[in-house]
Amino acid sequence: MSQEEINELRSRICYGLKKAEENMLREKALHDDTIVTVANGKICEMSAKYLYRKLYEK
């Protein structure tokens, strides 16, 4: 694989992961679920609705 092909593949994978995360958060927010994440170096549980709004609603 050329470097250009590797960069394109990396870009497509990152885009797919970002969309999957957005879809997961949207689905969890619809069901009023929580998620476990890391915030300020600490493991915490937070509302998926809150995180979805913070990250994706502008």
Protein backbone atom coordinates (compact mmCIF):
# COMPACT_ATOMS: atom_id res chain seq x y z
CA MET A 1 0.00 0.00 0.00
CA SER A 2 1.18 3.47 -0.75
CA GLN A 3 1.27 6.17 1.90
CA GLU A 4 -1.69 7.89 0.21
CA GLU A 5 -3.77 4.70 0.41
CA ILE A 6 -2.83 4.23 4.05
CA ASN A 7 -3.84 7.81 4.84
CA GLU A 8 -7.15 7.38 3.03
CA LEU A 9 -7.88 4.13 4.87
CA ARG A 10 -6.98 5.72 8.21
CA SER A 11 -9.27 8.64 7.43
CA ARG A 12 -12.17 6.34 6.51
CA ILE A 13 -11.69 4.26 9.68
CA CYS A 14 -11.64 7.38 11.90
CA TYR A 15 -14.77 8.70 10.19
CA GLY A 16 -16.54 5.36 10.72
CA LEU A 17 -15.59 5.25 14.40
CA LYS A 18 -16.81 8.80 14.92
CA LYS A 19 -20.18 8.03 13.26
CA ALA A 20 -20.51 4.81 15.31
CA GLU A 21 -19.89 6.76 18.53
CA GLU A 22 -22.46 9.38 17.55
CA ASN A 23 -25.05 6.71 16.71
CA MET A 24 -24.40 4.87 19.99
CA LEU A 25 -24.79 8.05 22.03
CA ARG A 26 -27.97 9.01 20.14
CA GLU A 27 -29.49 5.59 20.77
CA LYS A 28 -28.55 5.62 24.46
CA ALA A 29 -29.91 9.17 24.82
CA LEU A 30 -33.24 8.08 23.32
CA HIS A 31 -33.53 5.39 26.00
CA ASP A 32 -32.35 7.73 28.78
CA ASP A 33 -29.33 5.50 29.47
CA THR A 34 -26.01 6.41 30.99
CA ILE A 35 -22.52 5.70 29.75
CA VAL A 36 -19.22 5.11 31.53
CA THR A 37 -16.44 7.42 30.39
CA VAL A 38 -13.32 9.20 31.58
CA ALA A 39 -13.59 12.86 32.57
CA ASN A 40 -10.66 14.78 34.02
CA GLY A 41 -8.74 11.54 34.46
CA LYS A 42 -11.48 9.88 36.52
CA ILE A 43 -13.87 7.13 35.52
CA CYS A 44 -17.43 8.36 35.82
CA GLU A 45 -20.97 7.58 34.75
CA MET A 46 -22.88 10.30 32.94
CA SER A 47 -26.10 10.84 31.10
CA ALA A 48 -25.93 9.97 27.42
CA LYS A 49 -28.35 12.84 26.72
CA TYR A 50 -25.99 15.34 28.34
CA LEU A 51 -22.93 14.07 26.48
CA TYR A 52 -24.76 13.86 23.14
CA ARG A 53 -25.96 17.46 23.47
CA LYS A 54 -22.51 18.63 24.50
CA LEU A 55 -20.74 16.92 21.60
CA TYR A 56 -23.18 16.96 18.69
CA GLU A 57 -25.84 19.62 19.12
CA LYS A 58 -24.60 23.04 18.19
